[in-house]
C-alpha atoms as a PDB file:
ATOM      1  CA  MET A   1      20.950  72.674 -33.933  1.00  0.00           C
ATOM      2  CA  SER A   2      18.043  73.597 -35.540  1.00  0.00           C
ATOM      3  CA  ALA A   3      15.856  76.631 -34.508  1.00  0.00           C
ATOM      4  CA  LEU A   4      13.157  74.190 -33.340  1.00  0.00           C
ATOM      5  CA  GLN A   5      15.198  72.312 -31.032  1.00  0.00           C
ATOM      6  CA  ALA A   6      15.361  74.085 -27.327  1.00  0.00           C
ATOM      7  CA  ASP A   7      19.412  75.005 -26.589  1.00  0.00           C
ATOM      8  CA  PRO A   8      20.718  74.288 -23.584  1.00  0.00           C
ATOM      9  CA  ASP A   9      19.998  78.016 -21.842  1.00  0.00           C
ATOM     10  CA  PRO A  10      19.616  80.345 -25.305  1.00  0.00           C
ATOM     11  CA  GLY A  11      18.548  83.289 -23.084  1.00  0.00           C
ATOM     12  CA  GLU A  12      15.629  85.749 -24.554  1.00  0.00           C
ATOM     13  CA  GLN A  13      17.854  87.164 -27.304  1.00  0.00           C
ATOM     14  CA  GLY A  14      18.825  83.361 -28.378  1.00  0.00           C
ATOM     15  CA  LEU A  15      14.878  82.879 -28.542  1.00  0.00           C
ATOM     16  CA  GLU A  16      13.488  85.843 -30.128  1.00  0.00           C
ATOM     17  CA  GLU A  17      16.331  85.008 -32.814  1.00  0.00           C
ATOM     18  CA  ALA A  18      15.448  81.573 -33.222  1.00  0.00           C
ATOM     19  CA  LEU A  19      11.796  82.974 -33.431  1.00  0.00           C
ATOM     20  CA  ALA A  20      12.698  85.258 -35.926  1.00  0.00           C
ATOM     21  CA  ASP A  21      14.791  82.591 -38.172  1.00  0.00           C
ATOM     22  CA  ILE A  22      11.552  80.660 -38.299  1.00  0.00           C
ATOM     23  CA  ALA A  23       9.133  83.364 -39.103  1.00  0.00           C
ATOM     24  CA  ARG A  24      12.305  84.130 -41.761  1.00  0.00           C
ATOM     25  CA  HIS A  25      11.841  80.343 -43.494  1.00  0.00           C
ATOM     26  CA  ALA A  26       8.914  80.070 -42.986  1.00  0.00           C
ATOM     27  CA  SER A  27       8.028  83.615 -44.983  1.00  0.00           C
ATOM     28  CA  LEU A  28       9.530  81.972 -47.957  1.00  0.00           C
ATOM     29  CA  PHE A  29       8.361  78.849 -48.065  1.00  0.00           C
ATOM     30  CA  TYR A  30       4.988  80.149 -47.990  1.00  0.00           C
ATOM     31  CA  ALA A  31       5.453  82.110 -50.883  1.00  0.00           C
ATOM     32  CA  ASP A  32       7.155  79.503 -52.653  1.00  0.00           C
ATOM     33  CA  ALA A  33       4.756  77.046 -51.806  1.00  0.00           C
ATOM     34  CA  MET A  34       1.426  79.641 -52.474  1.00  0.00           C
ATOM     35  CA  PRO A  35       1.161  78.608 -56.239  1.00  0.00           C
ATOM     36  CA  MET A  36       1.179  75.036 -55.776  1.00  0.00           C
ATOM     37  CA  ALA A  37      -1.050  75.013 -52.804  1.00  0.00           C
ATOM     38  CA  ALA A  38      -3.542  77.299 -54.784  1.00  0.00           C
ATOM     39  CA  SER A  39      -3.643  73.949 -57.911  1.00  0.00           C
ATOM     40  CA  LEU A  40      -4.353  71.567 -55.210  1.00  0.00           C
ATOM     41  CA  PHE A  41      -7.200  73.528 -53.729  1.00  0.00           C
ATOM     42  CA  ALA A  42      -8.877  74.707 -57.253  1.00  0.00           C
ATOM     43  CA  GLU A  43      -9.061  71.006 -57.466  1.00  0.00           C
ATOM     44  CA  PRO A  44     -10.919  68.443 -55.372  1.00  0.00           C
ATOM     45  CA  ALA A  45      -9.452  65.809 -56.315  1.00  0.00           C
ATOM     46  CA  LEU A  46      -6.006  66.701 -56.749  1.00  0.00           C
ATOM     47  CA  LEU A  47      -5.817  67.671 -52.807  1.00  0.00           C
ATOM     48  CA  ILE A  48      -7.221  64.712 -51.122  1.00  0.00           C
ATOM     49  CA  ARG A  49      -4.014  62.425 -52.995  1.00  0.00           C
ATOM     50  CA  HIS A  50      -2.024  64.605 -52.021  1.00  0.00           C
ATOM     51  CA  ARG A  51      -3.210  64.778 -48.716  1.00  0.00           C
ATOM     52  CA  GLU A  52      -3.555  61.016 -48.353  1.00  0.00           C
ATOM     53  CA  GLY A  53       0.036  60.987 -50.091  1.00  0.00           C
ATOM     54  CA  VAL A  54       1.461  63.001 -47.440  1.00  0.00           C
ATOM     55  CA  GLN A  55      -0.479  61.660 -44.467  1.00  0.00           C
ATOM     56  CA  LYS A  56       1.287  57.972 -45.279  1.00  0.00           C
ATOM     57  CA  ILE A  57       4.389  59.570 -45.174  1.00  0.00           C
ATOM     58  CA  GLY A  58       3.843  61.125 -41.744  1.00  0.00           C
ATOM     59  CA  CYS A  59       3.876  64.685 -43.544  1.00  0.00           C
ATOM     60  CA  GLY A  60       1.595  67.513 -43.877  1.00  0.00           C
ATOM     61  CA  PRO A  61       1.728  71.124 -42.627  1.00  0.00           C
ATOM     62  CA  HIS A  62       0.842  70.807 -38.802  1.00  0.00           C
ATOM     63  CA  VAL A  63       4.106  69.127 -38.806  1.00  0.00           C
ATOM     64  CA  VAL A  64       6.202  72.558 -38.439  1.00  0.00           C
ATOM     65  CA  LEU A  65       3.101  73.662 -36.322  1.00  0.00           C
ATOM     66  CA  ASP A  66       3.869  70.786 -33.967  1.00  0.00           C
ATOM     67  CA  ALA A  67       7.540  71.100 -33.840  1.00  0.00           C
ATOM     68  CA  LEU A  68       7.255  74.872 -33.122  1.00  0.00           C
ATOM     69  CA  ALA A  69       4.652  74.413 -30.615  1.00  0.00           C
ATOM     70  CA  GLY A  70       6.816  72.019 -28.923  1.00  0.00           C
ATOM     71  CA  ARG A  71       9.832  73.770 -28.898  1.00  0.00           C
ATOM     72  CA  LEU A  72       7.587  76.436 -26.963  1.00  0.00           C
ATOM     73  CA  ARG A  73       6.209  74.235 -24.270  1.00  0.00           C
ATOM     74  CA  ARG A  74       9.611  73.044 -23.730  1.00  0.00           C
ATOM     75  CA  GLU A  75      10.732  76.599 -23.586  1.00  0.00           C
ATOM     76  CA  LEU A  76       7.539  76.965 -21.375  1.00  0.00           C
ATOM     77  CA  ALA A  77       8.650  73.724 -18.661  1.00  0.00           C
ATOM     78  CA  VAL A  78      12.196  75.264 -18.174  1.00  0.00           C
ATOM     79  CA  GLY A  79      10.778  78.475 -17.004  1.00  0.00           C
ATOM     80  CA  ARG A  80      11.690  80.651 -20.126  1.00  0.00           C
ATOM     81  CA  LEU A  81       8.397  81.584 -20.754  1.00  0.00           C
ATOM     82  CA  ARG A  82       5.649  83.419 -19.267  1.00  0.00           C
ATOM     83  CA  PRO A  83       3.699  81.069 -17.113  1.00  0.00           C
ATOM     84  CA  ASP A  84       0.379  81.862 -19.007  1.00  0.00           C
ATOM     85  CA  ALA A  85       1.519  81.556 -22.076  1.00  0.00           C
ATOM     86  CA  ASP A  86       0.366  79.310 -24.711  1.00  0.00           C
ATOM     87  CA  PRO A  87       2.306  77.649 -26.773  1.00  0.00           C
ATOM     88  CA  ALA A  88       0.426  76.029 -29.231  1.00  0.00           C
ATOM     89  CA  ALA A  89      -1.558  79.777 -29.646  1.00  0.00           C
ATOM     90  CA  ALA A  90       1.834  81.218 -30.175  1.00  0.00           C
ATOM     91  CA  ALA A  91       3.242  78.889 -33.153  1.00  0.00           C
ATOM     92  CA  ALA A  92       0.203  79.523 -35.039  1.00  0.00           C
ATOM     93  CA  LEU A  93       0.615  83.276 -34.656  1.00  0.00           C
ATOM     94  CA  LEU A  94       3.867  83.157 -35.688  1.00  0.00           C
ATOM     95  CA  LEU A  95       3.447  80.661 -38.752  1.00  0.00           C
ATOM     96  CA  GLY A  96       0.107  82.240 -39.589  1.00  0.00           C
ATOM     97  CA  ALA A  97       1.543  85.537 -40.165  1.00  0.00           C
ATOM     98  CA  CYS A  98       4.104  84.075 -42.211  1.00  0.00           C
ATOM     99  CA  PHE A  99       1.281  82.339 -44.140  1.00  0.00           C
ATOM    100  CA  GLN A 100      -0.802  85.446 -44.567  1.00  0.00           C
ATOM    101  CA  ARG A 101       2.183  87.811 -45.856  1.00  0.00           C
ATOM    102  CA  ALA A 102       2.271  85.050 -48.311  1.00  0.00           C
ATOM    103  CA  PHE A 103      -0.950  85.565 -49.560  1.00  0.00           C
ATOM    104  CA  PHE A 104      -1.052  89.017 -49.837  1.00  0.00           C
ATOM    105  CA  LEU A 105       2.587  88.629 -51.868  1.00  0.00           C
ATOM    106  CA  HIS A 106       0.449  86.491 -54.323  1.00  0.00           C
ATOM    107  CA  PHE A 107      -2.980  88.141 -54.227  1.00  0.00           C
ATOM    108  CA  SER A 108      -2.173  91.894 -54.046  1.00  0.00           C
ATOM    109  CA  GLY A 109       2.119  91.930 -55.045  1.00  0.00           C
ATOM    110  CA  ALA A 110       5.329  92.667 -53.152  1.00  0.00           C
ATOM    111  CA  GLN A 111       4.231  96.163 -52.601  1.00  0.00           C
ATOM    112  CA  VAL A 112       1.696  95.261 -49.304  1.00  0.00           C
ATOM    113  CA  VAL A 113       3.920  93.626 -47.747  1.00  0.00           C
ATOM    114  CA  GLN A 114       7.319  94.444 -45.742  1.00  0.00           C
ATOM    115  CA  PRO A 115      10.386  92.515 -47.128  1.00  0.00           C
ATOM    116  CA  VAL A 116      10.984  89.510 -45.428  1.00  0.00           C
ATOM    117  CA  GLU A 117      14.102  90.707 -43.556  1.00  0.00           C
ATOM    118  CA  GLU A 118      11.718  93.328 -41.708  1.00  0.00           C
ATOM    119  CA  PHE A 119       8.322  90.953 -41.529  1.00  0.00           C
ATOM    120  CA  ALA A 120      10.275  87.818 -39.656  1.00  0.00           C
ATOM    121  CA  PRO A 121      12.112  89.978 -36.700  1.00  0.00           C
ATOM    122  CA  ALA A 122       9.149  91.979 -36.262  1.00  0.00           C
ATOM    123  CA  VAL A 123       6.645  89.535 -36.226  1.00  0.00           C
ATOM    124  CA  ALA A 124       8.969  87.454 -34.046  1.00  0.00           C
ATOM    125  CA  GLY A 125       9.670  90.475 -31.685  1.00  0.00           C
ATOM    126  CA  THR A 126       5.932  90.769 -31.188  1.00  0.00           C
ATOM    127  CA  VAL A 127       5.114  87.178 -30.507  1.00  0.00           C
ATOM    128  CA  TRP A 128       7.841  87.011 -28.474  1.00  0.00           C
ATOM    129  CA  ALA A 129       6.947  89.827 -26.325  1.00  0.00           C
ATOM    130  CA  ALA A 130       3.811  88.549 -25.746  1.00  0.00           C
ATOM    131  CA  ILE A 131       5.359  84.949 -24.341  1.00  0.00           C
ATOM    132  CA  ARG A 132       8.429  86.079 -22.714  1.00  0.00           C
END
């Protein structure tokens, strides 16, 4: 079962660990994808062609965000999140932090970012503390 699918009853630790796993994978993916993304944004015609191509196959950067928000909405529906939690905002905060880490890694160097094995559980724990 992937981290984005809801476990029958993950409990607090299970969901926090799932968020850390998602943060770890997202951080590594964004770090790997940043150079390609920069080249796409440097050439508007290439960006348009790329955008059209991924839209044709139902993909794009929003897919992971939507999946994570959906997972958190399911957790909210079964009462495992605080009633006023905003699943879409929590997903955006987690993934946005991972994207920002990748940007800083490439722009300023590895010395300005936490190692991913420290960063992922820290950002996941902070998001979890806000929504549990």
